Amino acid sequence: MKPVPEVTTPETIQRRSGYQSMQPVLRPDYWGVDLEPSHRPGVPMMRDPQPWPNARFPPEPQRGPSAVPMHGRPNKTMPPVFGTAVPLHGLSGVVRKLAYRLPDHYPSHWLLMLLGDRVDSWSYHARRYLPFALPLAAALLLVRRARD
């Protein structure tokens, strides 16, 4: 057996006789080592998939009302990346519900979704800076009244 198989081209096959072209293909010694599972390096560590010890299996359905808004196309389901763990809330939730009433091939659907993201970001920043901004505004108002 040759250590490296011979590469055949269509010209060499045409030059050979029919018997020679039907010979088995010569392969290197290491060919096919992954076909038998006992030759695989990770075999001792491989196990059947099973849930973690403290996992609830099978998963329980989500309790309470569904947080999934209605889609603009009635027979289309929501994509699998759509999360229902955090329901739509606040002004951004209202904007997103308006967006979901429109079909998703309309540009206004996506513009309203982007606006909902911006409103959510603005409300986050407003909640973050409100404890500092409110006393500062009250102090400035008192200083202005004291001057008058």
C-alpha atoms as a PDB file:
ATOM      1  CA  MET A   1       0.000   0.000   0.000  1.00  0.00           C
ATOM      2  CA  LYS A   2       1.345   3.398  -0.976  1.00  0.00           C
ATOM      3  CA  PRO A   3       1.620   5.960   1.845  1.00  0.00           C
ATOM      4  CA  VAL A   4      -0.036   8.670  -0.297  1.00  0.00           C
ATOM      5  CA  PRO A   5      -2.876   7.851  -2.678  1.00  0.00           C
ATOM      6  CA  GLU A   6      -2.401   8.551  -6.355  1.00  0.00           C
ATOM      7  CA  VAL A   7      -4.460  11.406  -7.694  1.00  0.00           C
ATOM      8  CA  THR A   8      -6.175  10.404 -10.901  1.00  0.00           C
ATOM      9  CA  THR A   9      -7.240  12.713 -13.677  1.00  0.00           C
ATOM     10  CA  PRO A  10      -9.723  11.953 -16.450  1.00  0.00           C
ATOM     11  CA  GLU A  11      -6.827  11.456 -18.894  1.00  0.00           C
ATOM     12  CA  THR A  12      -5.178   8.754 -16.762  1.00  0.00           C
ATOM     13  CA  ILE A  13      -8.490   6.962 -16.318  1.00  0.00           C
ATOM     14  CA  GLN A  14      -9.040   6.907 -20.091  1.00  0.00           C
ATOM     15  CA  ARG A  15      -5.512   5.485 -20.621  1.00  0.00           C
ATOM     16  CA  ARG A  16      -6.079   2.621 -18.183  1.00  0.00           C
ATOM     17  CA  SER A  17      -8.035  -0.468 -18.931  1.00  0.00           C
ATOM     18  CA  GLY A  18     -11.469  -0.994 -17.436  1.00  0.00           C
ATOM     19  CA  TYR A  19     -10.062  -3.403 -14.828  1.00  0.00           C
ATOM     20  CA  GLN A  20      -7.514  -0.914 -13.593  1.00  0.00           C
ATOM     21  CA  SER A  21     -10.023   1.931 -13.309  1.00  0.00           C
ATOM     22  CA  MET A  22     -12.304  -0.261 -11.143  1.00  0.00           C
ATOM     23  CA  GLN A  23      -9.659  -0.922  -8.481  1.00  0.00           C
ATOM     24  CA  PRO A  24     -10.507   0.300  -4.953  1.00  0.00           C
ATOM     25  CA  VAL A  25      -9.331   3.769  -4.016  1.00  0.00           C
ATOM     26  CA  LEU A  26      -6.162   3.755  -1.930  1.00  0.00           C
ATOM     27  CA  ARG A  27      -6.479   5.888   1.171  1.00  0.00           C
ATOM     28  CA  PRO A  28      -3.939   6.796   3.877  1.00  0.00           C
ATOM     29  CA  ASP A  29      -3.828   4.785   7.101  1.00  0.00           C
ATOM     30  CA  TYR A  30      -5.375   7.580   9.151  1.00  0.00           C
ATOM     31  CA  TRP A  31      -8.430   7.831   6.876  1.00  0.00           C
ATOM     32  CA  GLY A  32     -11.719   7.132   8.662  1.00  0.00           C
ATOM     33  CA  VAL A  33     -10.500   7.269  12.246  1.00  0.00           C
ATOM     34  CA  ASP A  34     -13.562   9.319  13.126  1.00  0.00           C
ATOM     35  CA  LEU A  35     -15.921   6.658  11.814  1.00  0.00           C
ATOM     36  CA  GLU A  36     -15.543   4.404  14.839  1.00  0.00           C
ATOM     37  CA  PRO A  37     -16.596   6.108  18.113  1.00  0.00           C
ATOM     38  CA  SER A  38     -13.910   4.395  20.206  1.00  0.00           C
ATOM     39  CA  HIS A  39     -11.170   6.233  18.264  1.00  0.00           C
ATOM     40  CA  ARG A  40     -12.587   9.661  19.071  1.00  0.00           C
ATOM     41  CA  PRO A  41     -10.616  11.638  21.704  1.00  0.00           C
ATOM     42  CA  GLY A  42     -13.689  12.806  23.657  1.00  0.00           C
ATOM     43  CA  VAL A  43     -15.413   9.418  23.937  1.00  0.00           C
ATOM     44  CA  PRO A  44     -14.857   8.809  27.660  1.00  0.00           C
ATOM     45  CA  MET A  45     -16.340  12.221  28.449  1.00  0.00           C
ATOM     46  CA  MET A  46     -19.296  12.038  26.091  1.00  0.00           C
ATOM     47  CA  ARG A  47     -22.704  11.430  27.691  1.00  0.00           C
ATOM     48  CA  ASP A  48     -26.296  11.608  26.616  1.00  0.00           C
ATOM     49  CA  PRO A  49     -27.760  15.093  27.073  1.00  0.00           C
ATOM     50  CA  GLN A  50     -29.621  15.497  30.348  1.00  0.00           C
ATOM     51  CA  PRO A  51     -30.935  18.504  32.306  1.00  0.00           C
ATOM     52  CA  TRP A  52     -28.964  20.141  35.102  1.00  0.00           C
ATOM     53  CA  PRO A  53     -29.654  18.755  38.595  1.00  0.00           C
ATOM     54  CA  ASN A  54     -31.790  21.700  39.807  1.00  0.00           C
ATOM     55  CA  ALA A  55     -33.521  22.408  36.502  1.00  0.00           C
ATOM     56  CA  ARG A  56     -37.287  22.192  36.198  1.00  0.00           C
ATOM     57  CA  PHE A  57     -37.893  19.667  33.496  1.00  0.00           C
ATOM     58  CA  PRO A  58     -40.060  19.795  31.479  1.00  0.00           C
ATOM     59  CA  PRO A  59     -40.214  23.615  31.470  1.00  0.00           C
ATOM     60  CA  GLU A  60     -43.306  25.099  33.053  1.00  0.00           C
ATOM     61  CA  PRO A  61     -45.488  27.385  30.944  1.00  0.00           C
ATOM     62  CA  GLN A  62     -45.341  31.072  31.763  1.00  0.00           C
ATOM     63  CA  ARG A  63     -47.882  32.144  34.374  1.00  0.00           C
ATOM     64  CA  GLY A  64     -50.222  35.085  34.029  1.00  0.00           C
ATOM     65  CA  PRO A  65     -51.417  36.843  30.907  1.00  0.00           C
ATOM     66  CA  SER A  66     -49.305  36.554  27.815  1.00  0.00           C
ATOM     67  CA  ALA A  67     -46.947  39.465  27.280  1.00  0.00           C
ATOM     68  CA  VAL A  68     -46.817  38.901  23.520  1.00  0.00           C
ATOM     69  CA  PRO A  69     -48.521  41.696  21.611  1.00  0.00           C
ATOM     70  CA  MET A  70     -50.618  40.938  18.575  1.00  0.00           C
ATOM     71  CA  HIS A  71     -48.647  40.790  15.368  1.00  0.00           C
ATOM     72  CA  GLY A  72     -49.537  42.904  12.329  1.00  0.00           C
ATOM     73  CA  ARG A  73     -50.036  39.772  10.218  1.00  0.00           C
ATOM     74  CA  PRO A  74     -52.614  37.477  11.807  1.00  0.00           C
ATOM     75  CA  ASN A  75     -51.155  34.083  10.830  1.00  0.00           C
ATOM     76  CA  LYS A  76     -47.518  34.955  11.429  1.00  0.00           C
ATOM     77  CA  THR A  77     -45.999  33.877  14.729  1.00  0.00           C
ATOM     78  CA  MET A  78     -43.488  35.929  16.645  1.00  0.00           C
ATOM     79  CA  PRO A  79     -39.825  35.091  15.978  1.00  0.00           C
ATOM     80  CA  PRO A  80     -38.048  32.893  18.535  1.00  0.00           C
ATOM     81  CA  VAL A  81     -35.820  35.771  19.632  1.00  0.00           C
ATOM     82  CA  PHE A  82     -38.852  37.732  20.832  1.00  0.00           C
ATOM     83  CA  GLY A  83     -38.716  37.677  24.624  1.00  0.00           C
ATOM     84  CA  THR A  84     -41.855  37.531  26.758  1.00  0.00           C
ATOM     85  CA  ALA A  85     -40.117  37.658  30.134  1.00  0.00           C
ATOM     86  CA  VAL A  86     -40.430  41.454  30.332  1.00  0.00           C
ATOM     87  CA  PRO A  87     -43.859  42.691  29.239  1.00  0.00           C
ATOM     88  CA  LEU A  88     -44.326  45.959  27.392  1.00  0.00           C
ATOM     89  CA  HIS A  89     -44.667  48.803  29.883  1.00  0.00           C
ATOM     90  CA  GLY A  90     -44.852  52.560  30.028  1.00  0.00           C
ATOM     91  CA  LEU A  91     -44.872  54.974  27.132  1.00  0.00           C
ATOM     92  CA  SER A  92     -42.413  52.828  25.157  1.00  0.00           C
ATOM     93  CA  GLY A  93     -44.812  49.880  25.511  1.00  0.00           C
ATOM     94  CA  VAL A  94     -47.642  51.965  24.070  1.00  0.00           C
ATOM     95  CA  VAL A  95     -45.461  52.970  21.122  1.00  0.00           C
ATOM     96  CA  ARG A  96     -44.430  49.344  20.509  1.00  0.00           C
ATOM     97  CA  LYS A  97     -48.052  48.157  20.682  1.00  0.00           C
ATOM     98  CA  LEU A  98     -48.864  50.734  18.012  1.00  0.00           C
ATOM     99  CA  ALA A  99     -45.982  49.388  15.939  1.00  0.00           C
ATOM    100  CA  TYR A 100     -47.212  45.803  16.254  1.00  0.00           C
ATOM    101  CA  ARG A 101     -50.590  46.806  14.822  1.00  0.00           C
ATOM    102  CA  LEU A 102     -48.875  47.572  11.520  1.00  0.00           C
ATOM    103  CA  PRO A 103     -47.540  44.907   9.166  1.00  0.00           C
ATOM    104  CA  ASP A 104     -43.812  44.473   9.551  1.00  0.00           C
ATOM    105  CA  HIS A 105     -43.093  45.240   5.906  1.00  0.00           C
ATOM    106  CA  TYR A 106     -44.193  48.849   6.439  1.00  0.00           C
ATOM    107  CA  PRO A 107     -41.375  51.290   7.221  1.00  0.00           C
ATOM    108  CA  SER A 108     -43.607  52.962   9.830  1.00  0.00           C
ATOM    109  CA  HIS A 109     -43.623  49.678  11.803  1.00  0.00           C
ATOM    110  CA  TRP A 110     -39.841  49.734  12.129  1.00  0.00           C
ATOM    111  CA  LEU A 111     -39.703  53.486  12.743  1.00  0.00           C
ATOM    112  CA  LEU A 112     -42.195  53.111  15.609  1.00  0.00           C
ATOM    113  CA  MET A 113     -40.135  50.212  16.996  1.00  0.00           C
ATOM    114  CA  LEU A 114     -37.021  52.412  16.910  1.00  0.00           C
ATOM    115  CA  LEU A 115     -38.972  55.255  18.533  1.00  0.00           C
ATOM    116  CA  GLY A 116     -40.085  52.844  21.271  1.00  0.00           C
ATOM    117  CA  ASP A 117     -36.442  51.964  21.918  1.00  0.00           C
ATOM    118  CA  ARG A 118     -35.512  55.653  22.106  1.00  0.00           C
ATOM    119  CA  VAL A 119     -38.401  56.412  24.482  1.00  0.00           C
ATOM    120  CA  ASP A 120     -37.321  53.493  26.667  1.00  0.00           C
ATOM    121  CA  SER A 121     -33.768  54.861  26.735  1.00  0.00           C
ATOM    122  CA  TRP A 122     -34.962  58.375  27.564  1.00  0.00           C
ATOM    123  CA  SER A 123     -37.158  57.110  30.386  1.00  0.00           C
ATOM    124  CA  TYR A 124     -34.236  55.121  31.802  1.00  0.00           C
ATOM    125  CA  HIS A 125     -31.999  58.203  31.798  1.00  0.00           C
ATOM    126  CA  ALA A 126     -34.784  60.333  33.277  1.00  0.00           C
ATOM    127  CA  ARG A 127     -35.264  57.831  36.126  1.00  0.00           C
ATOM    128  CA  ARG A 128     -31.521  57.672  36.672  1.00  0.00           C
ATOM    129  CA  TYR A 129     -30.939  61.432  36.910  1.00  0.00           C
ATOM    130  CA  LEU A 130     -34.262  62.420  38.509  1.00  0.00           C
ATOM    131  CA  PRO A 131     -32.997  62.024  42.127  1.00  0.00           C
ATOM    132  CA  PHE A 132     -30.222  64.542  41.368  1.00  0.00           C
ATOM    133  CA  ALA A 133     -32.076  66.855  39.009  1.00  0.00           C
ATOM    134  CA  LEU A 134     -35.216  67.369  41.125  1.00  0.00           C
ATOM    135  CA  PRO A 135     -33.465  68.737  44.253  1.00  0.00           C
ATOM    136  CA  LEU A 136     -31.170  70.825  42.050  1.00  0.00           C
ATOM    137  CA  ALA A 137     -34.159  72.345  40.246  1.00  0.00           C
ATOM    138  CA  ALA A 138     -35.864  73.068  43.590  1.00  0.00           C
ATOM    139  CA  ALA A 139     -32.703  74.715  44.911  1.00  0.00           C
ATOM    140  CA  LEU A 140     -32.377  76.869  41.786  1.00  0.00           C
ATOM    141  CA  LEU A 141     -36.026  77.907  42.103  1.00  0.00           C
ATOM    142  CA  LEU A 142     -35.532  78.888  45.750  1.00  0.00           C
ATOM    143  CA  VAL A 143     -32.377  80.865  44.895  1.00  0.00           C
ATOM    144  CA  ARG A 144     -34.225  82.710  42.133  1.00  0.00           C
ATOM    145  CA  ARG A 145     -37.159  83.573  44.416  1.00  0.00           C
ATOM    146  CA  ALA A 146     -34.747  84.773  47.104  1.00  0.00           C
ATOM    147  CA  ARG A 147     -33.164  87.193  44.613  1.00  0.00           C
ATOM    148  CA  ASP A 148     -36.511  88.712  43.630  1.00  0.00           C
END
